Amino acid sequence: MPSSCKDIRAALATCLQSSDCVMIYRNTPADCLRPPLIDGLPTRCKQLKKGYGECKRGMIDMRKRFRGNQPIAVSKEIEGEKGGQLYGGGKAVGETGIGGTGKEELDLVEGADGQLRKREG
């Protein structure tokens, strides 16, 4: 098995082994993943099952053949960082360059009335 899905598979196996379906009711992990018993699994196990399915699907997806599956820990949304959305209402490019506001290059300061003026001195 390629290494891109090994981590999520191991996490799913650990989650299933510690679930009530396996520990208390003595079902096999494979049985716990099937419809009547899957409703009793914790949310974390359900999420891992869905993620594992998407990972396996991504291995045969022709759009991801060259890039491969994205690692789980690298995802910015999981780590709490805000993703870089280009068309979310703000400008992606400043007036004088990418990410700039123009104030740095022109040496401008904002006055008390809100107008931009050249820095004196």
PDB file of N, CA and C in Angstrom:
ATOM      1  N   MET A   1       0.850  -1.181   0.000  1.00  0.00           N
ATOM      2  CA  MET A   1       0.000   0.000   0.000  1.00  0.00           C
ATOM      3  C   MET A   1       0.892   1.238   0.000  1.00  0.00           C
ATOM      4  N   PRO A   2       0.608   2.225  -0.836  1.00  0.00           N
ATOM      5  CA  PRO A   2       1.386   3.453  -0.831  1.00  0.00           C
ATOM      6  C   PRO A   2       1.327   4.142   0.530  1.00  0.00           C
ATOM      7  N   SER A   3       2.365   4.909   0.790  1.00  0.00           N
ATOM      8  CA  SER A   3       2.504   5.501   2.124  1.00  0.00           C
ATOM      9  C   SER A   3       1.545   6.662   2.374  1.00  0.00           C
ATOM     10  N   SER A   4       0.863   7.162   1.351  1.00  0.00           N
ATOM     11  CA  SER A   4       0.009   8.332   1.560  1.00  0.00           C
ATOM     12  C   SER A   4      -1.213   8.031   2.421  1.00  0.00           C
ATOM     13  N   CYS A   5      -1.661   6.779   2.475  1.00  0.00           N
ATOM     14  CA  CYS A   5      -2.852   6.449   3.261  1.00  0.00           C
ATOM     15  C   CYS A   5      -2.538   5.646   4.520  1.00  0.00           C
ATOM     16  N   LYS A   6      -1.274   5.325   4.764  1.00  0.00           N
ATOM     17  CA  LYS A   6      -0.927   4.488   5.911  1.00  0.00           C
ATOM     18  C   LYS A   6      -1.264   5.151   7.245  1.00  0.00           C
ATOM     19  N   ASP A   7      -0.992   6.444   7.353  1.00  0.00           N
ATOM     20  CA  ASP A   7      -1.225   7.147   8.622  1.00  0.00           C
ATOM     21  C   ASP A   7      -2.700   7.171   8.994  1.00  0.00           C
ATOM     22  N   ILE A   8      -3.539   7.504   8.036  1.00  0.00           N
ATOM     23  CA  ILE A   8      -4.968   7.594   8.327  1.00  0.00           C
ATOM     24  C   ILE A   8      -5.560   6.196   8.561  1.00  0.00           C
ATOM     25  N   ARG A   9      -5.006   5.183   7.900  1.00  0.00           N
ATOM     26  CA  ARG A   9      -5.457   3.808   8.138  1.00  0.00           C
ATOM     27  C   ARG A   9      -5.111   3.363   9.552  1.00  0.00           C
ATOM     28  N   ALA A  10      -3.907   3.705  10.011  1.00  0.00           N
ATOM     29  CA  ALA A  10      -3.495   3.346  11.371  1.00  0.00           C
ATOM     30  C   ALA A  10      -4.351   4.078  12.407  1.00  0.00           C
ATOM     31  N   ALA A  11      -4.663   5.343  12.133  1.00  0.00           N
ATOM     32  CA  ALA A  11      -5.506   6.111  13.056  1.00  0.00           C
ATOM     33  C   ALA A  11      -6.919   5.533  13.112  1.00  0.00           C
ATOM     34  N   LEU A  12      -7.433   5.108  11.973  1.00  0.00           N
ATOM     35  CA  LEU A  12      -8.761   4.486  11.933  1.00  0.00           C
ATOM     36  C   LEU A  12      -8.757   3.164  12.696  1.00  0.00           C
ATOM     37  N   ALA A  13      -7.714   2.358  12.533  1.00  0.00           N
ATOM     38  CA  ALA A  13      -7.630   1.085  13.246  1.00  0.00           C
ATOM     39  C   ALA A  13      -7.569   1.301  14.758  1.00  0.00           C
ATOM     40  N   THR A  14      -6.802   2.288  15.189  1.00  0.00           N
ATOM     41  CA  THR A  14      -6.703   2.598  16.623  1.00  0.00           C
ATOM     42  C   THR A  14      -8.040   3.074  17.168  1.00  0.00           C
ATOM     43  N   CYS A  15      -8.723   3.906  16.410  1.00  0.00           N
ATOM     44  CA  CYS A  15     -10.026   4.421  16.840  1.00  0.00           C
ATOM     45  C   CYS A  15     -11.035   3.278  16.948  1.00  0.00           C
ATOM     46  N   LEU A  16     -11.027   2.384  15.976  1.00  0.00           N
ATOM     47  CA  LEU A  16     -11.960   1.253  16.010  1.00  0.00           C
ATOM     48  C   LEU A  16     -11.666   0.313  17.177  1.00  0.00           C
ATOM     49  N   GLN A  17     -10.394   0.068  17.447  1.00  0.00           N
ATOM     50  CA  GLN A  17     -10.035  -0.835  18.534  1.00  0.00           C
ATOM     51  C   GLN A  17     -10.449  -0.302  19.898  1.00  0.00           C
ATOM     52  N   SER A  18     -10.483   1.022  20.037  1.00  0.00           N
ATOM     53  CA  SER A  18     -10.864   1.611  21.324  1.00  0.00           C
ATOM     54  C   SER A  18     -12.351   1.969  21.393  1.00  0.00           C
ATOM     55  N   SER A  19     -13.126   1.678  20.347  1.00  0.00           N
ATOM     56  CA  SER A  19     -14.551   2.017  20.346  1.00  0.00           C
ATOM     57  C   SER A  19     -15.356   0.983  21.124  1.00  0.00           C
ATOM     58  N   ASP A  20     -16.554   1.354  21.533  1.00  0.00           N
ATOM     59  CA  ASP A  20     -17.451   0.441  22.253  1.00  0.00           C
ATOM     60  C   ASP A  20     -17.876  -0.740  21.383  1.00  0.00           C
ATOM     61  N   CYS A  21     -17.964  -0.507  20.084  1.00  0.00           N
ATOM     62  CA  CYS A  21     -18.404  -1.569  19.164  1.00  0.00           C
ATOM     63  C   CYS A  21     -17.468  -2.772  19.240  1.00  0.00           C
ATOM     64  N   VAL A  22     -16.175  -2.521  19.379  1.00  0.00           N
ATOM     65  CA  VAL A  22     -15.202  -3.608  19.441  1.00  0.00           C
ATOM     66  C   VAL A  22     -14.944  -4.029  20.887  1.00  0.00           C
ATOM     67  N   MET A  23     -14.751  -3.060  21.768  1.00  0.00           N
ATOM     68  CA  MET A  23     -14.355  -3.365  23.148  1.00  0.00           C
ATOM     69  C   MET A  23     -15.475  -4.019  23.964  1.00  0.00           C
ATOM     70  N   ILE A  24     -16.669  -3.480  23.891  1.00  0.00           N
ATOM     71  CA  ILE A  24     -17.763  -3.948  24.745  1.00  0.00           C
ATOM     72  C   ILE A  24     -18.606  -5.015  24.043  1.00  0.00           C
ATOM     73  N   TYR A  25     -19.015  -4.709  22.801  1.00  0.00           N
ATOM     74  CA  TYR A  25     -19.919  -5.607  22.100  1.00  0.00           C
ATOM     75  C   TYR A  25     -19.204  -6.720  21.340  1.00  0.00           C
ATOM     76  N   ARG A  26     -17.883  -6.703  21.292  1.00  0.00           N
ATOM     77  CA  ARG A  26     -17.051  -7.751  20.701  1.00  0.00           C
ATOM     78  C   ARG A  26     -17.330  -8.019  19.223  1.00  0.00           C
ATOM     79  N   ASN A  27     -17.588  -6.956  18.467  1.00  0.00           N
ATOM     80  CA  ASN A  27     -17.732  -7.092  17.017  1.00  0.00           C
ATOM     81  C   ASN A  27     -16.356  -6.922  16.382  1.00  0.00           C
ATOM     82  N   THR A  28     -16.198  -7.413  15.171  1.00  0.00           N
ATOM     83  CA  THR A  28     -14.938  -7.187  14.465  1.00  0.00           C
ATOM     84  C   THR A  28     -14.923  -5.756  13.935  1.00  0.00           C
ATOM     85  N   PRO A  29     -13.731  -5.168  13.756  1.00  0.00           N
ATOM     86  CA  PRO A  29     -13.668  -3.808  13.202  1.00  0.00           C
ATOM     87  C   PRO A  29     -14.339  -3.696  11.837  1.00  0.00           C
ATOM     88  N   ALA A  30     -14.239  -4.731  11.020  1.00  0.00           N
ATOM     89  CA  ALA A  30     -14.886  -4.702   9.700  1.00  0.00           C
ATOM     90  C   ALA A  30     -16.409  -4.637   9.841  1.00  0.00           C
ATOM     91  N   ASP A  31     -16.958  -5.364  10.813  1.00  0.00           N
ATOM     92  CA  ASP A  31     -18.403  -5.318  11.035  1.00  0.00           C
ATOM     93  C   ASP A  31     -18.841  -3.956  11.555  1.00  0.00           C
ATOM     94  N   CYS A  32     -17.997  -3.328  12.362  1.00  0.00           N
ATOM     95  CA  CYS A  32     -18.339  -2.010  12.912  1.00  0.00           C
ATOM     96  C   CYS A  32     -18.398  -0.936  11.836  1.00  0.00           C
ATOM     97  N   LEU A  33     -17.720  -1.160  10.722  1.00  0.00           N
ATOM     98  CA  LEU A  33     -17.716  -0.175   9.638  1.00  0.00           C
ATOM     99  C   LEU A  33     -18.884  -0.348   8.673  1.00  0.00           C
ATOM    100  N   ARG A  34     -19.712  -1.337   8.888  1.00  0.00           N
ATOM    101  CA  ARG A  34     -20.857  -1.586   8.006  1.00  0.00           C
ATOM    102  C   ARG A  34     -22.135  -0.995   8.601  1.00  0.00           C
ATOM    103  N   PRO A  35     -23.151  -0.751   7.762  1.00  0.00           N
ATOM    104  CA  PRO A  35     -24.332   0.033   8.125  1.00  0.00           C
ATOM    105  C   PRO A  35     -25.050  -0.178   9.455  1.00  0.00           C
ATOM    106  N   PRO A  36     -25.435  -1.291   9.928  1.00  0.00           N
ATOM    107  CA  PRO A  36     -26.199  -1.164  11.174  1.00  0.00           C
ATOM    108  C   PRO A  36     -25.338  -0.745  12.361  1.00  0.00           C
ATOM    109  N   LEU A  37     -24.075  -1.123  12.362  1.00  0.00           N
ATOM    110  CA  LEU A  37     -23.222  -0.828  13.513  1.00  0.00           C
ATOM    111  C   LEU A  37     -22.465   0.493  13.395  1.00  0.00           C
ATOM    112  N   ILE A  38     -22.360   1.044  12.194  1.00  0.00           N
ATOM    113  CA  ILE A  38     -21.582   2.273  12.016  1.00  0.00           C
ATOM    114  C   ILE A  38     -22.230   3.459  12.730  1.00  0.00           C
ATOM    115  N   ASP A  39     -23.528   3.399  12.958  1.00  0.00           N
ATOM    116  CA  ASP A  39     -24.213   4.502  13.640  1.00  0.00           C
ATOM    117  C   ASP A  39     -23.770   4.635  15.096  1.00  0.00           C
ATOM    118  N   GLY A  40     -23.277   3.556  15.698  1.00  0.00           N
ATOM    119  CA  GLY A  40     -22.843   3.598  17.083  1.00  0.00           C
ATOM    120  C   GLY A  40     -21.397   4.004  17.272  1.00  0.00           C
ATOM    121  N   LEU A  41     -20.670   4.230  16.173  1.00  0.00           N
ATOM    122  CA  LEU A  41     -19.263   4.629  16.278  1.00  0.00           C
ATOM    123  C   LEU A  41     -19.133   6.087  16.691  1.00  0.00           C
ATOM    124  N   PRO A  42     -18.026   6.447  17.347  1.00  0.00           N
ATOM    125  CA  PRO A  42     -17.786   7.857  17.660  1.00  0.00           C
ATOM    126  C   PRO A  42     -17.606   8.678  16.380  1.00  0.00           C
ATOM    127  N   THR A  43     -17.823   9.964  16.488  1.00  0.00           N
ATOM    128  CA  THR A  43     -17.717  10.861  15.331  1.00  0.00           C
ATOM    129  C   THR A  43     -16.313  10.832  14.742  1.00  0.00           C
ATOM    130  N   ARG A  44     -15.308  10.746  15.600  1.00  0.00           N
ATOM    131  CA  ARG A  44     -13.919  10.728  15.127  1.00  0.00           C
ATOM    132  C   ARG A  44     -13.681   9.525  14.209  1.00  0.00           C
ATOM    133  N   CYS A  45     -14.209   8.363  14.574  1.00  0.00           N
ATOM    134  CA  CYS A  45     -14.040   7.171  13.730  1.00  0.00           C
ATOM    135  C   CYS A  45     -14.765   7.328  12.396  1.00  0.00           C
ATOM    136  N   LYS A  46     -15.933   7.942  12.420  1.00  0.00           N
ATOM    137  CA  LYS A  46     -16.671   8.166  11.173  1.00  0.00           C
ATOM    138  C   LYS A  46     -15.903   9.114  10.256  1.00  0.00           C
ATOM    139  N   GLN A  47     -15.308  10.146  10.856  1.00  0.00           N
ATOM    140  CA  GLN A  47     -14.527  11.100  10.062  1.00  0.00           C
ATOM    141  C   GLN A  47     -13.283  10.438   9.479  1.00  0.00           C
ATOM    142  N   LEU A  48     -12.628   9.591  10.282  1.00  0.00           N
ATOM    143  CA  LEU A  48     -11.450   8.880   9.782  1.00  0.00           C
ATOM    144  C   LEU A  48     -11.818   7.908   8.667  1.00  0.00           C
ATOM    145  N   LYS A  49     -12.975   7.269   8.777  1.00  0.00           N
ATOM    146  CA  LYS A  49     -13.428   6.352   7.724  1.00  0.00           C
ATOM    147  C   LYS A  49     -13.667   7.108   6.422  1.00  0.00           C
ATOM    148  N   LYS A  50     -14.291   8.267   6.543  1.00  0.00           N
ATOM    149  CA  LYS A  50     -14.547   9.079   5.351  1.00  0.00           C
ATOM    150  C   LYS A  50     -13.234   9.572   4.745  1.00  0.00           C
ATOM    151  N   GLY A  51     -12.310  10.022   5.592  1.00  0.00           N
ATOM    152  CA  GLY A  51     -11.011  10.484   5.106  1.00  0.00           C
ATOM    153  C   GLY A  51     -10.200   9.377   4.460  1.00  0.00           C
ATOM    154  N   TYR A  52     -10.283   8.177   5.012  1.00  0.00           N
ATOM    155  CA  TYR A  52      -9.570   7.040   4.428  1.00  0.00           C
ATOM    156  C   TYR A  52     -10.158   6.689   3.062  1.00  0.00           C
ATOM    157  N   GLY A  53     -11.468   6.748   2.953  1.00  0.00           N
ATOM    158  CA  GLY A  53     -12.104   6.495   1.660  1.00  0.00           C
ATOM    159  C   GLY A  53     -11.700   7.527   0.616  1.00  0.00           C
ATOM    160  N   GLU A  54     -11.625   8.791   1.019  1.00  0.00           N
ATOM    161  CA  GLU A  54     -11.207   9.842   0.087  1.00  0.00           C
ATOM    162  C   GLU A  54      -9.744   9.682  -0.302  1.00  0.00           C
ATOM    163  N   CYS A  55      -8.924   9.232   0.639  1.00  0.00           N
ATOM    164  CA  CYS A  55      -7.514   9.006   0.347  1.00  0.00           C
ATOM    165  C   CYS A  55      -7.354   7.884  -0.678  1.00  0.00           C
ATOM    166  N   LYS A  56      -8.071   6.793  -0.474  1.00  0.00           N
ATOM    167  CA  LYS A  56      -7.998   5.679  -1.418  1.00  0.00           C
ATOM    168  C   LYS A  56      -8.536   6.084  -2.796  1.00  0.00           C
ATOM    169  N   ARG A  57      -9.593   6.886  -2.797  1.00  0.00           N
ATOM    170  CA  ARG A  57     -10.161   7.364  -4.057  1.00  0.00           C
ATOM    171  C   ARG A  57      -9.177   8.285  -4.764  1.00  0.00           C
ATOM    172  N   GLY A  58      -8.443   9.088  -3.981  1.00  0.00           N
ATOM    173  CA  GLY A  58      -7.479  10.012  -4.561  1.00  0.00           C
ATOM    174  C   GLY A  58      -6.292   9.313  -5.200  1.00  0.00           C
ATOM    175  N   MET A  59      -6.032   8.068  -4.805  1.00  0.00           N
ATOM    176  CA  MET A  59      -4.925   7.327  -5.395  1.00  0.00           C
ATOM    177  C   MET A  59      -5.204   6.946  -6.847  1.00  0.00           C
ATOM    178  N   ILE A  60      -6.480   6.819  -7.215  1.00  0.00           N
ATOM    179  CA  ILE A  60      -6.798   6.459  -8.596  1.00  0.00           C
ATOM    180  C   ILE A  60      -7.380   7.623  -9.385  1.00  0.00           C
ATOM    181  N   ASP A  61      -7.505   8.784  -8.746  1.00  0.00           N
ATOM    182  CA  ASP A  61      -8.025   9.964  -9.419  1.00  0.00           C
ATOM    183  C   ASP A  61      -6.960  10.519 -10.361  1.00  0.00           C
ATOM    184  N   MET A  62      -7.274  10.598 -11.622  1.00  0.00           N
ATOM    185  CA  MET A  62      -6.287  11.036 -12.609  1.00  0.00           C
ATOM    186  C   MET A  62      -5.850  12.490 -12.408  1.00  0.00           C
ATOM    187  N   ARG A  63      -6.668  13.309 -11.778  1.00  0.00           N
ATOM    188  CA  ARG A  63      -6.279  14.700 -11.540  1.00  0.00           C
ATOM    189  C   ARG A  63      -5.204  14.802 -10.470  1.00  0.00           C
ATOM    190  N   LYS A  64      -5.109  13.787  -9.618  1.00  0.00           N
ATOM    191  CA  LYS A  64      -4.123  13.814  -8.533  1.00  0.00           C
ATOM    192  C   LYS A  64      -2.954  12.873  -8.790  1.00  0.00           C
ATOM    193  N   ARG A  65      -2.853  12.311  -9.971  1.00  0.00           N
ATOM    194  CA  ARG A  65      -1.824  11.310 -10.237  1.00  0.00           C
ATOM    195  C   ARG A  65      -0.414  11.871 -10.079  1.00  0.00           C
ATOM    196  N   PHE A  66      -0.177  13.085 -10.552  1.00  0.00           N
ATOM    197  CA  PHE A  66       1.166  13.638 -10.494  1.00  0.00           C
ATOM    198  C   PHE A  66       1.445  14.313  -9.160  1.00  0.00           C
ATOM    199  N   ARG A  67       0.460  14.972  -8.586  1.00  0.00           N
ATOM    200  CA  ARG A  67       0.649  15.660  -7.312  1.00  0.00           C
ATOM    201  C   ARG A  67       0.570  14.704  -6.135  1.00  0.00           C
ATOM    202  N   GLY A  68      -0.238  13.696  -6.234  1.00  0.00           N
ATOM    203  CA  GLY A  68      -0.433  12.766  -5.127  1.00  0.00           C
ATOM    204  C   GLY A  68      -1.429  13.325  -4.120  1.00  0.00           C
ATOM    205  N   ASN A  69      -1.775  12.525  -3.118  1.00  0.00           N
ATOM    206  CA  ASN A  69      -2.677  12.971  -2.064  1.00  0.00           C
ATOM    207  C   ASN A  69      -1.971  13.986  -1.185  1.00  0.00           C
ATOM    208  N   GLN A  70      -2.717  14.943  -0.683  1.00  0.00           N
ATOM    209  CA  GLN A  70      -2.152  15.926   0.228  1.00  0.00           C
ATOM    210  C   GLN A  70      -1.977  15.297   1.603  1.00  0.00           C
ATOM    211  N   PRO A  71      -0.847  15.521   2.266  1.00  0.00           N
ATOM    212  CA  PRO A  71      -0.685  14.997   3.621  1.00  0.00           C
ATOM    213  C   PRO A  71      -1.715  15.598   4.558  1.00  0.00           C
ATOM    214  N   ILE A  72      -2.097  14.858   5.562  1.00  0.00           N
ATOM    215  CA  ILE A  72      -3.146  15.307   6.470  1.00  0.00           C
ATOM    216  C   ILE A  72      -2.683  16.476   7.315  1.00  0.00           C
ATOM    217  N   ALA A  73      -1.488  16.406   7.865  1.00  0.00           N
ATOM    218  CA  ALA A  73      -1.007  17.421   8.802  1.00  0.00           C
ATOM    219  C   ALA A  73      -0.663  18.738   8.122  1.00  0.00           C
ATOM    220  N   VAL A  74      -0.525  18.757   6.806  1.00  0.00           N
ATOM    221  CA  VAL A  74      -0.133  19.971   6.117  1.00  0.00           C
ATOM    222  C   VAL A  74      -1.336  20.855   5.811  1.00  0.00           C
ATOM    223  N   SER A  75      -2.506  20.331   5.931  1.00  0.00           N
ATOM    224  CA  SER A  75      -3.707  21.089   5.628  1.00  0.00           C
ATOM    225  C   SER A  75      -3.814  22.303   6.535  1.00  0.00           C
ATOM    226  N   LYS A  76      -3.944  23.491   5.950  1.00  0.00           N
ATOM    227  CA  LYS A  76      -3.977  24.723   6.730  1.00  0.00           C
ATOM    228  C   LYS A  76      -5.256  24.875   7.531  1.00  0.00           C
ATOM    229  N   GLU A  77      -6.358  24.323   7.016  1.00  0.00           N
ATOM    230  CA  GLU A  77      -7.615  24.450   7.737  1.00  0.00           C
ATOM    231  C   GLU A  77      -7.586  23.660   9.038  1.00  0.00           C
ATOM    232  N   ILE A  78      -6.932  22.513   9.038  1.00  0.00           N
ATOM    233  CA  ILE A  78      -6.854  21.685  10.238  1.00  0.00           C
ATOM    234  C   ILE A  78      -6.009  22.370  11.302  1.00  0.00           C
ATOM    235  N   GLU A  79      -4.911  23.007  10.886  1.00  0.00           N
ATOM    236  CA  GLU A  79      -4.005  23.648  11.831  1.00  0.00           C
ATOM    237  C   GLU A  79      -4.510  25.007  12.289  1.00  0.00           C
ATOM    238  N   GLY A  80      -5.632  25.469  11.796  1.00  0.00           N
ATOM    239  CA  GLY A  80      -6.227  26.712  12.263  1.00  0.00           C
ATOM    240  C   GLY A  80      -5.812  27.946  11.484  1.00  0.00           C
ATOM    241  N   GLU A  81      -4.996  27.794  10.458  1.00  0.00           N
ATOM    242  CA  GLU A  81      -4.603  28.940   9.664  1.00  0.00           C
ATOM    243  C   GLU A  81      -5.671  29.228   8.624  1.00  0.00           C
ATOM    244  N   LYS A  82      -5.765  30.501   8.261  1.00  0.00           N
ATOM    245  CA  LYS A  82      -6.743  30.874   7.250  1.00  0.00           C
ATOM    246  C   LYS A  82      -6.120  30.685   5.879  1.00  0.00           C
ATOM    247  N   GLY A  83      -6.847  30.039   5.011  1.00  0.00           N
ATOM    248  CA  GLY A  83      -6.357  29.784   3.662  1.00  0.00           C
ATOM    249  C   GLY A  83      -6.320  31.059   2.840  1.00  0.00           C
ATOM    250  N   GLY A  84      -5.519  31.082   1.795  1.00  0.00           N
ATOM    251  CA  GLY A  84      -5.388  32.255   0.948  1.00  0.00           C
ATOM    252  C   GLY A  84      -6.453  32.283  -0.122  1.00  0.00           C
ATOM    253  N   GLN A  85      -7.553  32.946   0.141  1.00  0.00           N
ATOM    254  CA  GLN A  85      -8.644  33.002  -0.823  1.00  0.00           C
ATOM    255  C   GLN A  85      -8.471  34.258  -1.660  1.00  0.00           C
ATOM    256  N   LEU A  86      -8.366  34.093  -2.964  1.00  0.00           N
ATOM    257  CA  LEU A  86      -8.112  35.233  -3.823  1.00  0.00           C
ATOM    258  C   LEU A  86      -9.340  36.110  -4.035  1.00  0.00           C
ATOM    259  N   TYR A  87     -10.492  35.523  -4.204  1.00  0.00           N
ATOM    260  CA  TYR A  87     -11.656  36.299  -4.578  1.00  0.00           C
ATOM    261  C   TYR A  87     -12.656  36.383  -3.441  1.00  0.00           C
ATOM    262  N   GLY A  88     -12.211  36.639  -2.254  1.00  0.00           N
ATOM    263  CA  GLY A  88     -13.076  36.686  -1.091  1.00  0.00           C
ATOM    264  C   GLY A  88     -13.548  38.083  -0.754  1.00  0.00           C
ATOM    265  N   GLY A  89     -13.481  39.008  -1.675  1.00  0.00           N
ATOM    266  CA  GLY A  89     -13.974  40.342  -1.410  1.00  0.00           C
ATOM    267  C   GLY A  89     -12.873  41.383  -1.343  1.00  0.00           C
ATOM    268  N   GLY A  90     -11.660  40.975  -1.025  1.00  0.00           N
ATOM    269  CA  GLY A  90     -10.562  41.922  -0.949  1.00  0.00           C
ATOM    270  C   GLY A  90      -9.690  41.823  -2.184  1.00  0.00           C
ATOM    271  N   LYS A  91      -8.781  42.794  -2.321  1.00  0.00           N
ATOM    272  CA  LYS A  91      -7.875  42.771  -3.451  1.00  0.00           C
ATOM    273  C   LYS A  91      -6.758  41.779  -3.192  1.00  0.00           C
ATOM    274  N   ALA A  92      -6.398  41.025  -4.213  1.00  0.00           N
ATOM    275  CA  ALA A  92      -5.285  40.095  -4.101  1.00  0.00           C
ATOM    276  C   ALA A  92      -3.978  40.801  -4.395  1.00  0.00           C
ATOM    277  N   VAL A  93      -4.032  41.879  -5.185  1.00  0.00           N
ATOM    278  CA  VAL A  93      -2.853  42.631  -5.556  1.00  0.00           C
ATOM    279  C   VAL A  93      -3.070  44.076  -5.146  1.00  0.00           C
ATOM    280  N   GLY A  94      -2.071  44.644  -4.463  1.00  0.00           N
ATOM    281  CA  GLY A  94      -2.149  46.041  -4.045  1.00  0.00           C
ATOM    282  C   GLY A  94      -1.972  46.975  -5.227  1.00  0.00           C
ATOM    283  N   GLU A  95      -1.988  48.297  -4.956  1.00  0.00           N
ATOM    284  CA  GLU A  95      -1.890  49.256  -6.053  1.00  0.00           C
ATOM    285  C   GLU A  95      -0.513  49.282  -6.685  1.00  0.00           C
ATOM    286  N   THR A  96       0.534  48.935  -5.920  1.00  0.00           N
ATOM    287  CA  THR A  96       1.880  49.009  -6.484  1.00  0.00           C
ATOM    288  C   THR A  96       2.553  47.655  -6.619  1.00  0.00           C
ATOM    289  N   GLY A  97       1.908  46.584  -6.215  1.00  0.00           N
ATOM    290  CA  GLY A  97       2.533  45.276  -6.342  1.00  0.00           C
ATOM    291  C   GLY A  97       1.764  44.242  -5.554  1.00  0.00           C
ATOM    292  N   ILE A  98       2.237  43.043  -5.613  1.00  0.00           N
ATOM    293  CA  ILE A  98       1.561  41.944  -4.953  1.00  0.00           C
ATOM    294  C   ILE A  98       1.656  42.112  -3.446  1.00  0.00           C
ATOM    295  N   GLY A  99       0.524  42.125  -2.789  1.00  0.00           N
ATOM    296  CA  GLY A  99       0.470  42.183  -1.338  1.00  0.00           C
ATOM    297  C   GLY A  99       0.798  43.530  -0.745  1.00  0.00           C
ATOM    298  N   GLY A 100       1.164  44.497  -1.537  1.00  0.00           N
ATOM    299  CA  GLY A 100       1.535  45.807  -1.001  1.00  0.00           C
ATOM    300  C   GLY A 100       0.378  46.780  -1.023  1.00  0.00           C
ATOM    301  N   THR A 101       0.460  47.794  -0.181  1.00  0.00           N
ATOM    302  CA  THR A 101      -0.589  48.802  -0.176  1.00  0.00           C
ATOM    303  C   THR A 101      -0.155  50.047  -0.919  1.00  0.00           C
ATOM    304  N   GLY A 102       1.139  50.151  -1.210  1.00  0.00           N
ATOM    305  CA  GLY A 102       1.623  51.328  -1.901  1.00  0.00           C
ATOM    306  C   GLY A 102       2.240  52.333  -0.954  1.00  0.00           C
ATOM    307  N   LYS A 103       1.940  52.238   0.320  1.00  0.00           N
ATOM    308  CA  LYS A 103       2.462  53.210   1.282  1.00  0.00           C
ATOM    309  C   LYS A 103       3.958  53.024   1.513  1.00  0.00           C
ATOM    310  N   GLU A 104       4.449  51.768   1.411  1.00  0.00           N
ATOM    311  CA  GLU A 104       5.854  51.508   1.712  1.00  0.00           C
ATOM    312  C   GLU A 104       6.769  52.140   0.664  1.00  0.00           C
ATOM    313  N   GLU A 105       6.435  51.967  -0.615  1.00  0.00           N
ATOM    314  CA  GLU A 105       7.311  52.429  -1.672  1.00  0.00           C
ATOM    315  C   GLU A 105       7.247  53.949  -1.845  1.00  0.00           C
ATOM    316  N   LEU A 106       6.111  54.536  -1.601  1.00  0.00           N
ATOM    317  CA  LEU A 106       5.955  55.962  -1.832  1.00  0.00           C
ATOM    318  C   LEU A 106       6.290  56.795  -0.607  1.00  0.00           C
ATOM    319  N   ASP A 107       6.559  56.160   0.534  1.00  0.00           N
ATOM    320  CA  ASP A 107       6.901  56.846   1.772  1.00  0.00           C
ATOM    321  C   ASP A 107       5.795  57.823   2.161  1.00  0.00           C
ATOM    322  N   LEU A 108       4.568  57.297   2.278  1.00  0.00           N
ATOM    323  CA  LEU A 108       3.405  58.095   2.626  1.00  0.00           C
ATOM    324  C   LEU A 108       3.025  57.875   4.079  1.00  0.00           C
ATOM    325  N   VAL A 109       2.407  58.894   4.663  1.00  0.00           N
ATOM    326  CA  VAL A 109       1.855  58.776   6.011  1.00  0.00           C
ATOM    327  C   VAL A 109       0.410  59.228   5.962  1.00  0.00           C
ATOM    328  N   GLU A 110      -0.377  58.704   6.881  1.00  0.00           N
ATOM    329  CA  GLU A 110      -1.779  59.070   6.943  1.00  0.00           C
ATOM    330  C   GLU A 110      -1.943  60.191   7.957  1.00  0.00           C
ATOM    331  N   GLY A 111      -2.576  61.272   7.539  1.00  0.00           N
ATOM    332  CA  GLY A 111      -2.791  62.407   8.427  1.00  0.00           C
ATOM    333  C   GLY A 111      -3.975  62.183   9.348  1.00  0.00           C
ATOM    334  N   ALA A 112      -4.205  63.135  10.251  1.00  0.00           N
ATOM    335  CA  ALA A 112      -5.295  63.035  11.212  1.00  0.00           C
ATOM    336  C   ALA A 112      -6.652  63.057  10.514  1.00  0.00           C
ATOM    337  N   ASP A 113      -6.732  63.681   9.355  1.00  0.00           N
ATOM    338  CA  ASP A 113      -7.997  63.743   8.621  1.00  0.00           C
ATOM    339  C   ASP A 113      -8.217  62.530   7.721  1.00  0.00           C
ATOM    340  N   GLY A 114      -7.251  61.575   7.714  1.00  0.00           N
ATOM    341  CA  GLY A 114      -7.408  60.369   6.921  1.00  0.00           C
ATOM    342  C   GLY A 114      -6.816  60.452   5.532  1.00  0.00           C
ATOM    343  N   GLN A 115      -6.254  61.585   5.142  1.00  0.00           N
ATOM    344  CA  GLN A 115      -5.664  61.767   3.844  1.00  0.00           C
ATOM    345  C   GLN A 115      -4.195  61.301   3.856  1.00  0.00           C
ATOM    346  N   LEU A 116      -3.753  60.770   2.723  1.00  0.00           N
ATOM    347  CA  LEU A 116      -2.362  60.345   2.599  1.00  0.00           C
ATOM    348  C   LEU A 116      -1.511  61.534   2.141  1.00  0.00           C
ATOM    349  N   ARG A 117      -0.365  61.714   2.808  1.00  0.00           N
ATOM    350  CA  ARG A 117       0.554  62.816   2.471  1.00  0.00           C
ATOM    351  C   ARG A 117       1.968  62.261   2.414  1.00  0.00           C
ATOM    352  N   LYS A 118       2.841  62.969   1.680  1.00  0.00           N
ATOM    353  CA  LYS A 118       4.249  62.592   1.632  1.00  0.00           C
ATOM    354  C   LYS A 118       4.881  62.838   3.000  1.00  0.00           C
ATOM    355  N   ARG A 119       5.747  61.924   3.387  1.00  0.00           N
ATOM    356  CA  ARG A 119       6.464  62.090   4.657  1.00  0.00           C
ATOM    357  C   ARG A 119       7.430  63.252   4.527  1.00  0.00           C
ATOM    358  N   GLU A 120       7.454  64.089   5.519  1.00  0.00           N
ATOM    359  CA  GLU A 120       8.357  65.252   5.500  1.00  0.00           C
ATOM    360  C   GLU A 120       9.639  64.898   6.245  1.00  0.00           C
ATOM    361  N   GLY A 121      10.722  65.373   5.714  1.00  0.00           N
ATOM    362  CA  GLY A 121      11.982  65.164   6.447  1.00  0.00           C
ATOM    363  C   GLY A 121      12.938  64.496   5.665  1.00  0.00           C
TER     364      GLY A 121
END
